Protein backbone atom coordinates (compact mmCIF):
# COMPACT_ATOMS: atom_id res chain seq x y z
CA MET A 1 -9.76 -31.84 -14.39
CA PRO A 2 -11.00 -32.10 -10.48
CA VAL A 3 -14.51 -30.30 -10.43
CA ALA A 4 -13.19 -27.30 -7.87
CA GLU A 5 -10.67 -26.33 -10.47
CA LEU A 6 -13.21 -25.97 -13.26
CA PRO A 7 -13.06 -22.50 -14.04
CA TRP A 8 -16.85 -21.94 -14.26
CA ARG A 9 -17.28 -22.90 -11.12
CA ARG A 10 -18.77 -21.02 -8.11
CA PRO A 11 -17.05 -19.82 -5.41
CA ALA A 12 -16.37 -22.31 -2.81
CA ILE A 13 -16.14 -20.91 1.18
CA THR A 14 -12.78 -21.12 3.27
CA PRO A 15 -12.62 -22.64 6.26
CA GLU A 16 -11.24 -20.42 9.65
CA THR A 17 -8.11 -22.04 9.36
CA HIS A 18 -7.70 -20.86 5.74
CA ARG A 19 -4.38 -19.69 4.92
CA ALA A 20 -3.07 -17.17 1.66
CA THR A 21 -2.64 -19.55 -1.26
CA SER A 22 0.44 -19.80 -3.82
CA PHE A 23 -2.06 -17.89 -6.47
CA GLU A 24 -2.44 -15.17 -4.07
CA ILE A 25 0.94 -13.99 -4.04
CA PHE A 26 1.09 -14.36 -7.69
CA PHE A 27 -1.58 -11.60 -7.29
CA ASP A 28 0.30 -9.68 -4.80
CA LEU A 29 3.36 -9.34 -7.34
CA VAL A 30 1.35 -8.01 -9.92
CA PHE A 31 -0.02 -5.71 -8.04
CA VAL A 32 3.04 -4.61 -6.44
CA PHE A 33 4.71 -3.94 -10.06
CA ALA A 34 1.99 -1.60 -10.54
CA ILE A 35 3.19 0.52 -7.62
CA THR A 36 6.38 0.17 -8.47
CA ARG A 37 5.37 2.16 -11.49
CA VAL A 38 3.83 4.65 -9.60
CA VAL A 39 7.49 5.42 -8.39
CA ALA A 40 9.00 5.42 -11.58
CA PHE A 41 5.70 7.96 -12.65
CA MET A 42 6.52 10.25 -9.60
CA ALA A 43 10.01 9.91 -10.54
CA HIS A 44 9.60 11.23 -14.27
CA SER A 45 8.89 14.59 -13.27
CA VAL A 46 9.17 15.21 -9.66
CA SER A 47 7.44 18.05 -8.06
CA ALA A 48 4.37 18.44 -5.61
CA LEU A 49 1.88 17.65 -8.66
CA ALA A 50 3.44 14.26 -9.11
CA LEU A 51 3.53 13.56 -5.04
CA VAL A 52 -0.32 14.68 -4.96
CA ARG A 53 -0.83 12.23 -8.11
CA GLY A 54 1.23 9.55 -7.22
CA LEU A 55 -0.53 9.24 -3.85
CA ILE A 56 -3.91 9.37 -5.69
CA LEU A 57 -2.93 6.41 -8.06
CA LEU A 58 -1.87 4.60 -4.53
CA LEU A 59 -5.11 5.14 -3.13
CA LEU A 60 -6.73 3.38 -6.35
CA LEU A 61 -4.27 0.59 -6.44
CA TRP A 62 -4.78 0.15 -2.58
CA TRP A 63 -8.11 0.40 -2.62
CA SER A 64 -8.23 -2.19 -5.69
CA TRP A 65 -5.79 -4.34 -3.67
CA ALA A 66 -7.76 -4.57 -0.49
CA ALA A 67 -11.17 -5.73 -2.10
CA TYR A 68 -9.83 -8.67 -3.18
CA ALA A 69 -8.07 -9.20 0.58
CA TRP A 70 -11.73 -9.28 1.89
CA LEU A 71 -12.93 -11.61 -1.30
CA GLY A 72 -9.85 -14.35 -0.62
CA ASN A 73 -10.63 -14.30 2.93
CA ARG A 74 -14.27 -15.34 1.78
CA ALA A 75 -13.81 -17.70 -1.38
CA HIS A 76 -10.81 -19.79 -2.46
CA ALA A 77 -9.25 -17.45 -4.74
CA ASP A 78 -7.51 -20.45 -6.65
CA ARG A 79 -10.53 -22.21 -7.54
CA GLY A 80 -13.20 -21.97 -9.86
CA VAL A 81 -14.79 -18.94 -11.17
CA VAL A 82 -12.63 -16.70 -8.79
CA ARG A 83 -9.57 -17.78 -10.22
CA THR A 84 -10.91 -17.16 -13.55
CA GLY A 85 -12.26 -13.76 -12.57
CA MET A 86 -8.93 -12.65 -10.92
CA LEU A 87 -6.91 -13.75 -13.51
CA ALA A 88 -8.52 -11.11 -15.48
CA VAL A 89 -8.11 -8.74 -12.93
CA MET A 90 -4.03 -9.37 -12.94
CA ALA A 91 -4.26 -9.07 -16.36
CA ALA A 92 -6.10 -5.68 -16.21
CA LEU A 93 -3.59 -4.23 -13.42
CA PHE A 94 -0.15 -5.53 -15.71
CA VAL A 95 -1.59 -3.25 -18.67
CA ALA A 96 -2.84 -0.60 -15.90
CA ALA A 97 1.03 -0.62 -14.50
CA LEU A 98 2.60 -0.54 -18.57
CA VAL A 99 0.89 2.94 -19.09
CA MET A 100 1.35 3.91 -15.22
CA PRO A 101 3.94 6.55 -16.16
CA GLU A 102 1.88 8.46 -18.80
CA GLY A 103 -1.37 7.85 -16.36
CA PHE A 104 -2.08 11.82 -16.32
CA SER A 105 -0.81 12.67 -19.62
CA ARG A 106 -1.53 12.01 -23.14
CA HIS A 107 1.18 12.00 -26.39
CA ALA A 108 0.28 12.15 -29.74
CA GLY A 109 0.86 8.94 -31.38
CA THR A 110 0.46 6.86 -28.26
CA VAL A 111 -2.36 5.52 -26.52
CA ASP A 112 -4.81 6.88 -24.35
CA ALA A 113 -3.14 5.73 -21.09
CA PRO A 114 -5.52 7.77 -18.72
CA LEU A 115 -8.81 5.96 -20.07
CA ILE A 116 -6.76 2.58 -20.21
CA LEU A 117 -6.05 3.30 -16.51
CA ALA A 118 -9.72 4.24 -15.74
CA VAL A 119 -11.17 1.57 -17.47
CA ALA A 120 -8.74 -0.91 -16.01
CA PHE A 121 -9.71 -0.03 -12.65
CA SER A 122 -13.34 -0.08 -13.66
CA LEU A 123 -12.78 -3.57 -14.43
CA VAL A 124 -10.94 -4.37 -11.57
CA ARG A 125 -14.04 -3.07 -9.36
CA ALA A 126 -16.80 -5.05 -11.58
CA ILE A 127 -15.14 -8.41 -11.35
CA TYR A 128 -15.02 -7.91 -7.20
CA PHE A 129 -18.52 -6.70 -7.24
CA GLY A 130 -19.65 -10.05 -9.29
CA LEU A 131 -17.59 -12.36 -7.59
CA HIS A 132 -18.41 -11.51 -4.11
CA LEU A 133 -22.05 -11.38 -4.58
CA ALA A 134 -21.68 -15.01 -6.44
CA SER A 135 -19.90 -16.13 -2.88
CA VAL A 136 -22.85 -14.63 -0.72
CA ALA A 137 -24.91 -17.95 -1.02
CA GLY A 138 -27.41 -17.46 2.00
CA ASP A 139 -26.17 -14.66 3.04
CA ARG A 140 -28.67 -11.93 2.92
CA ARG A 141 -26.93 -9.24 5.17
CA LEU A 142 -23.77 -9.57 3.22
CA ARG A 143 -25.88 -9.78 0.38
CA ALA A 144 -27.94 -6.38 1.24
CA GLN A 145 -24.37 -5.08 1.83
CA LEU A 146 -22.92 -5.22 -1.55
CA LEU A 147 -25.86 -4.06 -2.75
CA LEU A 148 -25.76 -0.63 -0.63
CA ASP A 149 -22.00 -0.58 -1.35
CA ALA A 150 -22.50 -0.66 -5.19
CA VAL A 151 -24.01 2.76 -5.33
CA PRO A 152 -20.60 4.76 -4.08
CA GLN A 153 -18.44 2.48 -6.44
CA THR A 154 -20.58 3.23 -9.21
CA ALA A 155 -20.68 6.94 -8.51
CA SER A 156 -16.84 6.60 -8.09
CA LEU A 157 -15.94 4.53 -11.38
CA ALA A 158 -18.22 7.44 -13.10
CA ALA A 159 -15.79 10.06 -11.68
CA LEU A 160 -13.14 7.81 -12.97
CA LEU A 161 -14.16 7.53 -16.68
CA THR A 162 -14.86 11.65 -16.81
CA GLY A 163 -11.85 12.32 -15.43
CA ALA A 164 -9.90 10.22 -17.53
CA VAL A 165 -11.80 12.09 -20.73
CA LEU A 166 -11.15 15.72 -19.53
CA GLY A 167 -7.97 15.08 -18.84
CA GLY A 168 -5.56 17.52 -16.72
CA THR A 169 -6.58 19.52 -13.55
CA TRP A 170 -9.81 18.16 -14.43
CA GLN A 171 -8.22 14.42 -13.91
CA THR A 172 -6.86 14.64 -10.70
CA ALA A 173 -9.77 16.79 -9.02
CA LEU A 174 -12.29 13.88 -10.58
CA TRP A 175 -9.59 11.11 -9.34
CA ALA A 176 -9.30 12.08 -5.87
CA THR A 177 -12.91 12.59 -6.05
CA ALA A 178 -13.44 8.86 -6.90
CA PHE A 179 -11.62 7.15 -4.15
CA ALA A 180 -13.06 10.12 -1.69
CA ILE A 181 -16.83 8.76 -3.10
CA ASP A 182 -15.69 5.08 -3.17
CA PHE A 183 -14.19 5.27 0.53
CA GLY A 184 -16.61 7.53 2.28
CA GLY A 185 -19.82 5.67 0.72
CA GLY A 186 -18.24 2.21 1.95
CA ARG A 187 -17.27 3.79 5.02
CA ILE A 188 -21.11 4.65 5.48
CA ALA A 189 -22.21 1.43 4.28
CA SER A 190 -20.36 -0.93 6.43
CA ALA A 191 -22.38 0.40 9.26
CA LEU A 192 -24.80 -2.01 7.83
CA GLY A 193 -22.29 -4.92 9.42
CA GLY A 194 -22.49 -7.42 6.62
CA TRP A 195 -18.96 -7.78 6.31
CA SER A 196 -16.81 -10.78 8.61
CA ILE A 197 -13.84 -12.45 8.54
CA ARG A 198 -13.75 -15.93 8.44
CA SER A 199 -9.77 -16.52 8.60
CA THR A 200 -7.67 -13.99 10.68
CA ALA A 201 -4.30 -15.77 9.84
CA HIS A 202 -5.23 -15.10 6.04
CA PHE A 203 -6.27 -11.82 6.66
CA ALA A 204 -3.06 -10.92 8.26
CA GLU A 205 -0.81 -13.08 6.36
CA ARG A 206 -1.91 -11.54 3.09
CA HIS A 207 -1.04 -7.87 4.79
CA ARG A 208 2.40 -9.17 5.52
CA MET A 209 2.49 -10.85 2.55
CA VAL A 210 1.94 -7.90 0.04
CA LEU A 211 4.68 -5.52 2.68
CA ILE A 212 7.29 -7.52 2.23
CA ILE A 213 6.80 -7.77 -1.04
CA ALA A 214 6.52 -3.64 -1.12
CA PHE A 215 9.74 -3.43 0.61
CA GLY A 216 11.25 -5.59 -2.08
CA GLU A 217 10.17 -3.80 -4.72
CA SER A 218 10.97 -0.60 -3.16
CA LEU A 219 14.42 -1.35 -3.56
CA ILE A 220 14.36 -2.33 -7.10
CA SER A 221 12.40 0.98 -7.48
CA ALA A 222 15.26 2.62 -5.79
CA GLY A 223 17.83 1.25 -7.37
CA ALA A 224 17.02 2.00 -10.40
CA GLY A 225 17.47 5.74 -10.16
CA GLY A 226 21.36 5.48 -11.63
CA GLU A 227 24.10 3.93 -12.88
CA LEU A 228 25.45 1.80 -9.71
CA THR A 229 29.05 1.74 -10.94
CA ASP A 230 30.67 4.00 -8.88
CA ALA A 231 31.75 4.58 -5.40
CA PRO A 232 29.58 7.16 -3.72
CA VAL A 233 26.81 5.64 -5.78
CA LEU A 234 26.65 2.05 -4.16
CA LEU A 235 27.62 3.64 -0.61
CA ALA A 236 23.94 5.78 -1.30
CA ALA A 237 22.56 2.69 -2.30
CA LEU A 238 23.42 0.46 1.27
CA ILE A 239 22.67 3.44 2.78
CA GLY A 240 18.96 3.41 1.21
CA PHE A 241 18.78 -0.96 2.00
CA VAL A 242 19.55 0.00 5.91
CA ALA A 243 16.44 2.33 5.95
CA VAL A 244 14.07 -0.48 4.44
CA VAL A 245 15.62 -3.10 6.93
CA CYS A 246 14.54 -0.84 9.53
CA LEU A 247 11.30 -0.31 8.40
CA TRP A 248 11.18 -4.30 8.19
CA LEU A 249 12.41 -4.29 11.42
CA LEU A 250 10.25 -2.04 12.49
CA TYR A 251 6.74 -3.87 11.63
CA PHE A 252 8.32 -7.60 11.35
CA SER A 253 10.48 -8.43 14.17
CA ARG A 254 7.84 -7.96 17.10
CA LEU A 255 4.58 -5.91 15.65
CA ALA A 256 3.14 -8.36 13.15
CA ALA A 257 2.90 -11.20 15.40
CA GLU A 258 1.62 -9.19 18.06
CA ALA A 259 -1.41 -7.70 16.05
CA GLU A 260 -2.56 -11.35 14.80
CA HIS A 261 -2.17 -12.94 18.12
CA ALA A 262 -4.72 -10.21 19.12
CA PHE A 263 -6.67 -10.30 15.79
CA GLY A 264 -7.19 -14.35 16.21
CA ARG A 265 -8.66 -13.55 19.71
CA ALA A 266 -11.01 -10.80 19.25
CA PRO A 267 -14.42 -11.64 19.54
CA ARG A 268 -15.97 -12.79 16.50
CA ALA A 269 -18.32 -9.36 16.04
CA ARG A 270 -15.01 -7.10 16.50
CA ARG A 271 -12.66 -9.00 14.02
CA ALA A 272 -14.60 -7.26 10.70
CA LYS A 273 -13.61 -3.84 12.80
CA ILE A 274 -10.12 -4.57 13.58
CA ALA A 275 -9.46 -6.32 9.74
CA ARG A 276 -11.24 -2.36 8.06
CA ASP A 277 -9.18 -0.37 10.33
CA ALA A 278 -6.28 -1.90 11.15
CA TYR A 279 -5.38 -3.94 8.06
CA THR A 280 -7.48 -2.05 5.44
CA LEU A 281 -6.98 1.63 6.21
CA ALA A 282 -3.65 1.43 8.43
CA HIS A 283 -1.68 -0.54 6.57
CA PHE A 284 -1.70 2.11 3.52
CA PRO A 285 0.33 3.94 5.33
CA LEU A 286 2.95 1.78 5.56
CA ILE A 287 2.80 1.10 1.88
CA ALA A 288 2.65 4.48 0.92
CA GLY A 289 5.82 5.45 3.57
CA ALA A 290 7.87 2.67 2.34
CA VAL A 291 6.78 4.10 -2.05
CA TYR A 292 8.08 7.49 -0.84
CA ILE A 293 11.02 6.77 1.01
CA ALA A 294 12.02 4.64 -2.32
CA LEU A 295 11.36 7.96 -4.77
CA GLY A 296 13.91 9.71 -2.30
CA VAL A 297 16.63 6.85 -2.55
CA HIS A 298 15.81 7.03 -6.50
CA GLU A 299 16.50 10.69 -6.50
CA VAL A 300 19.82 10.54 -4.19
CA LEU A 301 21.10 7.81 -6.56
CA ALA A 302 19.64 9.95 -9.56
CA GLU A 303 21.77 12.80 -8.49
CA LEU A 304 25.03 10.76 -7.58
CA SER A 305 25.15 9.20 -10.74
CA GLY A 306 24.92 12.55 -12.62
CA THR A 307 21.10 11.75 -14.35
CA GLY A 308 19.46 14.18 -12.04
CA ASP A 309 19.51 17.96 -12.50
CA GLN A 310 19.67 19.45 -8.95
CA GLY A 311 23.38 20.10 -8.33
CA GLY A 312 24.23 17.25 -5.38
CA HIS A 313 21.22 18.06 -3.37
CA LEU A 314 17.57 16.89 -3.17
CA GLU A 315 14.71 19.34 -4.63
CA TRP A 316 11.76 20.02 -2.69
CA ALA A 317 9.28 17.28 -3.78
CA ALA A 318 12.25 14.81 -3.23
CA SER A 319 13.28 15.63 -0.11
CA THR A 320 9.69 15.45 1.09
CA ALA A 321 9.01 11.97 -0.63
CA LEU A 322 12.32 10.94 1.86
CA TYR A 323 11.53 12.57 4.95
CA GLY A 324 7.68 12.51 4.89
CA GLY A 325 7.72 9.03 3.58
CA ALA A 326 9.21 7.50 6.47
CA ALA A 327 7.12 10.17 8.88
CA VAL A 328 3.98 8.81 6.99
CA PHE A 329 5.12 5.01 7.86
CA LEU A 330 5.86 5.61 11.30
CA LEU A 331 2.53 7.44 11.98
CA GLY A 332 0.85 3.95 9.94
CA ARG A 333 2.91 1.67 12.52
CA ALA A 334 1.54 3.98 15.44
CA ALA A 335 -2.13 3.82 14.49
CA PHE A 336 -2.34 -0.48 12.79
CA ALA A 337 -0.73 -0.96 17.09
CA ARG A 338 -3.29 0.73 18.30
CA LEU A 339 -6.12 -0.21 16.42
CA ALA A 340 -5.11 -4.57 16.04
CA ILE A 341 -3.62 -4.33 19.89
CA ARG A 342 -5.56 -2.11 21.38
CA SER A 343 -3.17 -1.67 24.24
CA ALA A 344 -1.45 2.25 24.70
CA ALA A 345 2.24 2.40 24.39
CA THR A 346 4.31 3.24 26.85
CA ALA A 347 4.43 6.99 27.49
CA GLN A 348 8.79 6.52 26.86
CA SER A 349 7.90 5.05 23.61
CA LEU A 350 4.93 7.11 22.17
CA LEU A 351 6.66 10.33 23.48
CA ALA A 352 9.80 9.01 21.28
CA LEU A 353 7.38 7.98 18.36
CA VAL A 354 5.65 11.63 18.47
CA PHE A 355 8.94 13.27 18.68
CA LEU A 356 10.90 11.06 15.77
CA VAL A 357 7.80 11.92 13.54
CA LEU A 358 8.07 15.94 13.99
CA VAL A 359 11.93 15.56 13.47
CA PHE A 360 11.02 13.77 10.60
CA LEU A 361 9.07 16.24 9.14
CA ALA A 362 10.72 19.61 10.41
CA LEU A 363 13.70 18.10 8.78
CA ILE A 364 12.45 18.01 5.17
CA PRO A 365 13.95 21.56 4.68
CA VAL A 366 17.52 20.43 5.94
CA GLY A 367 17.34 17.93 3.55
CA ARG A 368 17.03 19.56 0.67
CA LEU A 369 20.17 21.88 2.27
CA LEU A 370 22.57 18.42 2.94
CA PRO A 371 24.64 16.68 -0.02
CA VAL A 372 21.96 13.81 -1.14
CA THR A 373 24.20 11.06 0.70
CA ALA A 374 24.03 12.75 4.23
CA ALA A 375 20.53 13.85 3.63
CA LEU A 376 20.09 9.62 2.67
CA ALA A 377 22.24 8.72 5.73
CA LEU A 378 20.06 11.12 7.92
CA VAL A 379 17.02 9.48 7.22
CA SER A 380 18.35 5.76 7.91
CA THR A 381 20.62 7.03 11.27
CA LEU A 382 17.11 7.93 12.42
CA LEU A 383 15.14 4.91 11.67
CA LEU A 384 18.12 3.02 13.22
CA ALA A 385 17.97 5.08 16.33
CA LEU A 386 14.28 4.28 16.78
CA VAL A 387 14.57 0.22 16.21
CA ALA A 388 18.07 0.48 18.77
CA PHE A 389 15.34 2.42 21.54
CA GLU A 390 12.39 0.22 21.07
CA TRP A 391 14.52 -3.12 21.52
CA ARG A 392 16.09 -1.74 24.58
CA THR A 393 12.45 -0.31 25.84
CA GLN A 394 11.61 -4.10 25.03
CA ALA A 395 14.63 -5.95 26.88
CA THR A 396 13.95 -3.70 29.82
CA LEU A 397 10.13 -4.78 30.22
CA ARG A 398 10.95 -8.21 30.04
CA ALA A 399 13.40 -7.87 32.76
CA ARG A 400 10.97 -6.25 34.79
CA HIS A 401 8.00 -8.51 33.89
CA PRO A 402 9.90 -12.33 32.92
C-alpha cells in the first residue's frame, strides 16, 4: 500500500489545481440519501410542524456537509486519516438517515431515533474538528480560528443532545437553537480570518455536484409518492420532472459557469468570503427549495394514486411546500448570483424574478383549491416561463453586445 494510502497517514494539503474526487462524490451520495429521508419524514404526516422540523434537519445536515466541503478543499479527502475519518462520518450519516423518519418521535420497542440522530451529528462535527485541526500544520491563524469556532460548536452539540433526551417541543426548540448557536457563533468567529480557499475550482465543483445529485434524488423521493401505474399519475410525474429540469436549467445553463469563473478571478483575500456567502450559505435555499418541491410532487402523486386523504386536493402544508419551495429556490439563486458574480441583474430580469417569487407565494392558497395535477402544472409552467424569459433576455443582450 502506498504511504499516502495508509489509513493513519497525516492529512495531505491540496494544491491550488485540486479538483473533486470520486471519494467525495461517494460522500455526497450518502449525504443526499439522508436528505431524501428528510422528505420521507415530512411526507409521513405533512403539516406546518413537519415542515419546520424538516427544515431543522436539513439545516443540520447541510451544515455538516459544508464543513467537509471546506475540509476537502484544504486536505485530500481520499487519502490517509482524512479518508478514514470521512468513512466513519459516512457510516454515522447513513445510520442517521435510516432513523430520520422517526427523528422527532419515540416508539416503545424501537431504537431511540432522536438520540441516535444527536449522537450522529455530534460524531460528524467532532471528527471534522479533529481532522481539520490535524491539517493545520504551521497555519497559526487557522488553528486559532478552529479553536475559537469550537466554542459555539460545543454549545450547539450540548443543545442537540439535551433536546434529544427531552423530546417533543423541547427537542424542536433546542435543535433549532443548536443550529443558531453553531451558525451565529461561527459567523462571529469567522471575523478572525483564518479560513482560506486553496482551489476555487474544487469548491465550486463540490457544490455543483451535490446540487445535481439532490435534483436526481428529489425525483426519486417524489416518485415514492404512489403507485405509478395509472395514466393520470404518470402524467403528473412527468409534469414534476419538467419542474426539476427547469431548476437544473436555471442553475446550470449559465449561472454555475459564470459564478465559478468570477470565483476563480476574485482576489485571494475575497475568495473565502465568496465561498462562505455564495456557496455555503446561498446554496442551502437551492437544496431546500428542491427538497420542498419534491415533497409537493410526492403529495400530488399520493393523491392521484389514492394513497392520500385530501380528496384530490393538496392540504395547506403540501401546497406551501410546492409553491414555497419554488420561491425559496429562486431567492437562493438570486442571492447566489449576486454574491458570486457581484453584477446587478438587468432591471427586467430582477423585476421578473421578484414578480415570480411573489406570484409563487400568492399561489399557495390557490394551490390548495386546484386539482392536484393543475396545481403541479402551474408550478412547472411558471418555471418554464422564467427559463424562456431568461433565454430571450440573454439572446437580446448577446445581439446588442456580440
